[in-house]
Amino acid sequence: MSHCFNLLNQLGISSFLLEGLFWIGLVIVAVYLIGRWLSSFTYSDYRETPLEILQKEFARGNITEAEYLIRKKYLQ
């Protein structure tokens, strides 16, 4: 391993630069993974209840009030 560092030192790349690049890369990967983990907690997993769907259909005017009341009675 020291042979590699000696070769890199001859090319003008210091071990401090390599260590800094390593830590910067590690931080970038950690931020990316945390971001992916946090984005998995979206509301896409939220499921509407049948009553909520019925209320939306009634609000849109797709069903009459009589149909709404009958269906609501069976859902509860």
Protein backbone atom coordinates (compact mmCIF):
# COMPACT_ATOMS: atom_id res chain seq x y z
CA MET A 1 0.00 0.00 0.00
CA SER A 2 2.83 2.37 0.78
CA HIS A 3 4.18 1.73 -2.71
CA CYS A 4 0.97 3.20 -4.13
CA PHE A 5 1.29 6.28 -1.93
CA ASN A 6 4.92 6.70 -2.98
CA LEU A 7 3.87 6.51 -6.63
CA LEU A 8 1.08 9.05 -6.08
CA ASN A 9 3.49 11.37 -4.22
CA GLN A 10 5.82 11.22 -7.20
CA LEU A 11 2.89 12.26 -9.40
CA GLY A 12 2.23 15.24 -7.10
CA ILE A 13 -0.82 13.87 -5.31
CA SER A 14 -0.48 14.01 -1.55
CA SER A 15 -2.01 11.55 0.86
CA PHE A 16 -3.93 14.44 2.50
CA LEU A 17 -5.64 15.14 -0.83
CA LEU A 18 -6.57 11.49 -1.21
CA GLU A 19 -7.87 11.32 2.34
CA GLY A 20 -9.90 14.48 1.77
CA LEU A 21 -11.37 13.09 -1.44
CA PHE A 22 -12.24 9.87 0.38
CA TRP A 23 -14.13 11.72 3.14
CA ILE A 24 -15.90 14.02 0.69
CA GLY A 25 -16.99 10.98 -1.30
CA LEU A 26 -18.14 9.24 1.85
CA VAL A 27 -20.21 12.27 2.89
CA ILE A 28 -21.80 12.50 -0.57
CA VAL A 29 -22.75 8.82 -0.50
CA ALA A 30 -24.17 9.17 3.03
CA VAL A 31 -26.26 12.22 2.08
CA TYR A 32 -27.54 10.40 -1.01
CA LEU A 33 -28.53 7.32 0.97
CA ILE A 34 -30.22 9.37 3.70
CA GLY A 35 -32.10 11.31 1.03
CA ARG A 36 -33.31 8.10 -0.59
CA TRP A 37 -34.37 6.75 2.81
CA LEU A 38 -36.29 9.92 3.68
CA SER A 39 -37.99 10.03 0.28
CA SER A 40 -39.37 6.55 0.91
CA PHE A 41 -41.68 8.09 3.53
CA THR A 42 -43.93 9.79 0.99
CA TYR A 43 -47.69 9.81 0.99
CA SER A 44 -47.79 7.36 -1.91
CA ASP A 45 -48.34 4.54 0.57
CA TYR A 46 -51.43 6.29 1.91
CA ARG A 47 -54.59 4.34 1.07
CA GLU A 48 -57.96 6.02 1.10
CA THR A 49 -60.75 4.36 2.99
CA PRO A 50 -63.90 3.41 1.07
CA LEU A 51 -65.79 6.15 2.93
CA GLU A 52 -63.29 8.80 1.77
CA ILE A 53 -63.63 7.61 -1.81
CA LEU A 54 -67.41 7.76 -1.52
CA GLN A 55 -67.26 11.31 -0.10
CA LYS A 56 -65.06 12.44 -3.00
CA GLU A 57 -67.41 10.89 -5.55
CA PHE A 58 -70.34 12.70 -3.94
CA ALA A 59 -68.41 15.99 -3.85
CA ARG A 60 -67.61 15.66 -7.57
CA GLY A 61 -71.28 15.14 -8.31
CA ASN A 62 -70.83 11.64 -9.75
CA ILE A 63 -73.48 10.18 -7.41
CA THR A 64 -76.69 11.60 -6.01
CA GLU A 65 -77.35 12.33 -2.37
CA ALA A 66 -79.66 9.32 -2.10
CA GLU A 67 -76.98 6.99 -3.49
CA TYR A 68 -74.43 8.57 -1.15
CA LEU A 69 -76.58 7.97 1.91
CA ILE A 70 -77.37 4.38 0.93
CA ARG A 71 -73.73 3.50 0.27
CA LYS A 72 -72.59 5.31 3.42
CA LYS A 73 -75.05 3.25 5.45
CA TYR A 74 -73.48 0.01 4.15
CA LEU A 75 -69.92 1.21 4.72
CA GLN A 76 -70.42 1.98 8.37
